[in-house]
Amino acid sequence: MNDTLFPEVGIATVQVLERLGHDVEFPEAQTCCGQVHLNTGYQDAAADLARRFVRVFADEEIVVAPSASCVATVREFYPYLAEQVDDSALAREVEAIVPRVVELTEFLVRHGGVTDIGARFTARVTYHPTCHSLRGLRLGDAPLALLRAVDGLDLVELPGADECCGFGGTFAVKNAETSSAILDSKIENIVATGAEVVAAVDRSCLTQIGGGLSRMGSTIRTLHVAEILAAAQ
């Protein structure tokens, strides 16, 4: 989703990592992690993408992704997927790579011990902890610690922060009415903060939230945390 629809998130991720002195490689052979296929029951197709993922990134020291949902797919569901398709070779490759696949804020705070990366972003910002980041990866305070350290940023608490935005990947398509009802509650809470920007670590959820804000004529922007961390305004 980032690579195809929101390349600025990938660019910001590279800028942040390089600012901290890391050597960043972008293997052009990489594709989707297979989450959408897995969610909709296409296990064979998802397994093919998992095989591609472990092959493409097999020799990398660490794999950093600006998407909690993609990282959760690799770490939580690749082992399940290998078992379901009865592929012992894939299972071994997944076991080897899983410890090296991390979400961006997780990498910065927990692996790098960094919270202040020299960013400057002047705005009133609220943070939405996406379901995969909150319940899957359990990122906890890592994204918030990074945002609090941004010069000029006024971080305001989001009421009902731990509630889903209603996206849920294909859930929003299959259960549109329920998805919209969940989104309405999330939008109401975001507006109540008086924030100018709502941030998250998953562009997919921000697309859902941004759509709702746009339809109501709100001027509140959606930004991936990486975009804020890369800023130097």
Protein backbone atom coordinates (compact mmCIF):
# COMPACT_ATOMS: atom_id res chain seq x y z
CA MET A 1 0.00 0.00 0.00
CA ASN A 2 2.82 2.40 0.85
CA ASP A 3 4.86 1.57 -2.22
CA THR A 4 1.92 1.84 -4.62
CA LEU A 5 -0.34 4.52 -3.14
CA PHE A 6 1.73 6.42 -0.55
CA PRO A 7 5.39 6.36 -1.64
CA GLU A 8 6.07 9.40 0.53
CA VAL A 9 5.85 7.09 3.56
CA GLY A 10 8.60 4.86 2.19
CA ILE A 11 10.72 7.88 1.32
CA ALA A 12 10.27 9.29 4.83
CA THR A 13 11.23 5.94 6.34
CA VAL A 14 14.48 5.89 4.38
CA GLN A 15 15.22 9.50 5.36
CA VAL A 16 14.74 8.73 9.05
CA LEU A 17 16.92 5.62 8.95
CA GLU A 18 19.68 7.31 6.96
CA ARG A 19 19.61 10.32 9.29
CA LEU A 20 20.52 7.90 12.07
CA GLY A 21 23.40 6.46 10.07
CA HIS A 22 21.86 3.22 8.84
CA ASP A 23 22.61 1.81 5.38
CA VAL A 24 19.26 1.22 3.71
CA GLU A 25 18.64 -1.21 0.87
CA PHE A 26 15.36 -1.54 -1.01
CA PRO A 27 15.19 -4.91 -2.78
CA GLU A 28 13.13 -4.22 -5.90
CA ALA A 29 11.98 -7.84 -6.07
CA GLN A 30 9.83 -7.40 -2.95
CA THR A 31 6.05 -7.42 -3.27
CA CYS A 32 2.99 -7.59 -1.01
CA CYS A 33 3.38 -9.59 2.21
CA GLY A 34 0.18 -11.49 1.38
CA GLN A 35 -1.99 -10.20 4.20
CA VAL A 36 -4.93 -9.38 1.93
CA HIS A 37 -4.83 -12.81 0.33
CA LEU A 38 -4.63 -14.51 3.70
CA ASN A 39 -7.51 -12.46 5.12
CA THR A 40 -9.76 -13.43 2.24
CA GLY A 41 -9.01 -17.14 2.33
CA TYR A 42 -6.52 -17.45 -0.52
CA GLN A 43 -3.93 -19.36 1.48
CA ASP A 44 -2.07 -20.79 -1.51
CA ALA A 45 -1.56 -17.32 -2.99
CA ALA A 46 -0.54 -15.97 0.41
CA ALA A 47 1.95 -18.82 0.80
CA ASP A 48 3.51 -17.97 -2.56
CA LEU A 49 4.00 -14.39 -1.41
CA ALA A 50 5.44 -15.59 1.90
CA ARG A 51 7.95 -17.75 0.01
CA ARG A 52 8.90 -14.72 -2.06
CA PHE A 53 9.29 -12.56 1.05
CA VAL A 54 11.64 -14.95 2.84
CA ARG A 55 13.65 -15.44 -0.35
CA VAL A 56 14.02 -11.72 -1.11
CA PHE A 57 14.99 -10.77 2.44
CA ALA A 58 16.89 -13.92 3.40
CA ASP A 59 20.31 -12.27 3.56
CA GLU A 60 19.29 -8.94 5.10
CA GLU A 61 20.51 -8.07 8.58
CA ILE A 62 17.16 -6.60 9.62
CA VAL A 63 13.94 -5.83 7.78
CA VAL A 64 12.22 -2.59 8.78
CA ALA A 65 8.68 -1.85 7.60
CA PRO A 66 6.55 1.28 8.14
CA SER A 67 3.48 -0.92 8.58
CA ALA A 68 2.49 -2.70 11.76
CA SER A 69 -0.05 -4.82 9.90
CA CYS A 70 2.54 -6.15 7.45
CA VAL A 71 5.04 -6.90 10.21
CA ALA A 72 2.32 -8.64 12.22
CA THR A 73 1.46 -10.74 9.17
CA VAL A 74 5.04 -11.95 8.87
CA ARG A 75 5.64 -12.52 12.57
CA GLU A 76 2.26 -13.89 13.62
CA PHE A 77 0.73 -15.45 10.53
CA TYR A 78 3.62 -16.73 8.40
CA PRO A 79 4.27 -19.60 10.86
CA TYR A 80 0.55 -20.46 10.77
CA LEU A 81 0.49 -20.20 7.00
CA ALA A 82 3.49 -22.52 6.56
CA GLU A 83 1.75 -25.06 8.77
CA GLN A 84 -1.54 -24.77 6.88
CA VAL A 85 0.06 -25.42 3.48
CA ASP A 86 2.27 -28.13 5.00
CA ASP A 87 5.52 -26.59 3.75
CA SER A 88 8.34 -27.55 6.13
CA ALA A 89 10.94 -25.64 4.10
CA LEU A 90 8.89 -22.46 4.35
CA ALA A 91 8.42 -23.05 8.08
CA ARG A 92 12.20 -23.20 8.58
CA GLU A 93 12.77 -20.06 6.52
CA VAL A 94 10.03 -18.22 8.40
CA GLU A 95 11.49 -19.23 11.75
CA ALA A 96 14.84 -17.83 10.66
CA ILE A 97 13.56 -14.49 9.40
CA VAL A 98 10.81 -13.63 11.89
CA PRO A 99 13.17 -12.27 14.60
CA ARG A 100 14.65 -9.87 12.04
CA VAL A 101 11.40 -8.29 10.86
CA VAL A 102 10.45 -5.17 12.82
CA GLU A 103 8.14 -2.17 12.59
CA LEU A 104 9.81 1.24 12.19
CA THR A 105 9.05 2.78 15.59
CA GLU A 106 9.82 -0.54 17.26
CA PHE A 107 13.21 -0.56 15.55
CA LEU A 108 14.01 3.03 16.53
CA VAL A 109 13.00 2.82 20.18
CA ARG A 110 13.51 -0.79 21.21
CA HIS A 111 16.38 -1.82 18.98
CA GLY A 112 18.12 1.52 18.58
CA GLY A 113 17.32 3.11 21.93
CA VAL A 114 16.41 6.36 20.15
CA THR A 115 13.44 8.66 20.72
CA ASP A 116 14.72 12.07 19.62
CA ILE A 117 15.85 11.93 16.01
CA GLY A 118 16.05 15.66 15.46
CA ALA A 119 12.65 16.14 13.87
CA ARG A 120 10.76 19.43 13.89
CA PHE A 121 7.05 19.57 13.11
CA THR A 122 4.84 22.40 14.32
CA ALA A 123 1.26 21.20 14.71
CA ARG A 124 -1.32 19.88 17.17
CA VAL A 125 -1.22 16.11 16.64
CA THR A 126 -3.22 13.18 17.98
CA TYR A 127 -2.14 9.55 17.63
CA HIS A 128 -4.30 6.57 16.66
CA PRO A 129 -2.78 3.22 17.75
CA THR A 130 -3.80 0.81 15.02
CA CYS A 131 -5.09 -2.63 15.96
CA HIS A 132 -2.04 -4.52 14.68
CA SER A 133 0.36 -2.13 16.42
CA LEU A 134 -1.60 -2.23 19.66
CA ARG A 135 -2.75 -5.83 19.94
CA GLY A 136 -0.48 -7.65 17.51
CA LEU A 137 2.97 -6.15 17.90
CA ARG A 138 2.24 -4.50 21.27
CA LEU A 139 4.27 -1.43 20.39
CA GLY A 140 3.07 0.28 23.53
CA ASP A 141 4.57 3.73 24.05
CA ALA A 142 7.20 3.55 21.30
CA PRO A 143 5.37 5.70 18.70
CA LEU A 144 4.25 8.16 21.37
CA ALA A 145 7.79 8.49 22.75
CA LEU A 146 9.02 9.44 19.29
CA LEU A 147 6.23 11.96 18.74
CA ARG A 148 6.77 13.57 22.16
CA ALA A 149 10.40 14.22 21.24
CA VAL A 150 9.54 16.09 18.03
CA ASP A 151 10.33 19.79 18.39
CA GLY A 152 7.25 21.99 18.01
CA LEU A 153 4.75 19.14 18.12
CA ASP A 154 1.81 19.43 20.51
CA LEU A 155 0.67 15.86 21.20
CA VAL A 156 -2.91 15.54 22.45
CA GLU A 157 -4.50 12.37 23.80
CA LEU A 158 -7.12 10.69 21.63
CA PRO A 159 -10.27 9.59 23.51
CA GLY A 160 -11.04 5.92 22.91
CA ALA A 161 -7.61 5.54 21.36
CA ASP A 162 -7.63 1.76 21.68
CA GLU A 163 -10.81 1.42 19.62
CA CYS A 164 -10.60 0.19 16.01
CA CYS A 165 -11.07 2.63 13.13
CA GLY A 166 -13.21 0.09 11.29
CA PHE A 167 -10.86 -0.58 8.38
CA GLY A 168 -9.69 -4.12 9.05
CA GLY A 169 -8.45 -4.61 5.48
CA THR A 170 -11.14 -6.41 3.51
CA PHE A 171 -13.52 -6.05 6.48
CA ALA A 172 -14.30 -2.51 5.30
CA VAL A 173 -15.41 -3.91 1.95
CA LYS A 174 -17.29 -6.97 3.17
CA ASN A 175 -18.96 -5.21 6.10
CA ALA A 176 -19.21 -1.63 4.89
CA GLU A 177 -22.04 -0.52 7.16
CA THR A 178 -20.40 -1.84 10.32
CA SER A 179 -17.06 -0.42 9.23
CA SER A 180 -18.62 3.00 8.69
CA ALA A 181 -20.33 2.96 12.08
CA ILE A 182 -17.02 2.17 13.81
CA LEU A 183 -15.32 4.90 11.80
CA ASP A 184 -17.94 7.49 12.80
CA SER A 185 -17.05 6.96 16.47
CA LYS A 186 -13.34 7.26 15.73
CA ILE A 187 -13.83 10.44 13.70
CA GLU A 188 -15.92 12.00 16.47
CA ASN A 189 -13.12 11.39 18.96
CA ILE A 190 -10.45 12.75 16.61
CA VAL A 191 -12.39 15.95 15.99
CA ALA A 192 -12.92 16.39 19.73
CA THR A 193 -9.15 16.67 20.29
CA GLY A 194 -8.89 19.83 18.22
CA ALA A 195 -5.92 18.27 16.43
CA GLU A 196 -4.68 19.48 13.07
CA VAL A 197 -3.12 16.10 12.28
CA VAL A 198 -3.93 12.50 13.14
CA ALA A 199 -0.94 10.16 12.99
CA ALA A 200 -0.57 6.38 12.96
CA VAL A 201 1.94 3.68 11.99
CA ASP A 202 -0.35 2.12 9.34
CA ARG A 203 -1.21 4.04 6.21
CA SER A 204 -4.12 1.64 5.60
CA CYS A 205 -5.94 2.80 8.74
CA LEU A 206 -5.09 6.41 7.93
CA THR A 207 -6.73 5.94 4.53
CA GLN A 208 -9.93 4.86 6.27
CA ILE A 209 -9.76 7.77 8.72
CA GLY A 210 -8.75 10.26 6.04
CA GLY A 211 -11.71 9.24 3.89
CA GLY A 212 -14.10 9.86 6.75
CA LEU A 213 -12.57 13.24 7.55
CA SER A 214 -12.65 14.27 3.89
CA ARG A 215 -16.31 13.33 3.45
CA MET A 216 -17.30 15.56 6.36
CA GLY A 217 -15.26 18.46 5.00
CA SER A 218 -12.71 18.42 7.85
CA THR A 219 -9.32 20.07 7.40
CA ILE A 220 -7.62 17.55 9.72
CA ARG A 221 -4.76 15.85 7.88
CA THR A 222 -3.57 12.27 8.18
CA LEU A 223 0.17 11.57 8.34
CA HIS A 224 2.20 8.46 8.92
CA VAL A 225 4.49 8.76 11.94
CA ALA A 226 7.47 8.34 9.60
CA GLU A 227 6.47 11.49 7.70
CA ILE A 228 6.44 13.49 10.93
CA LEU A 229 9.78 12.07 12.05
CA ALA A 230 11.34 12.92 8.69
CA ALA A 231 10.14 16.53 8.87
CA ALA A 232 12.47 19.39 9.62
CA GLN A 233 10.11 22.35 9.17
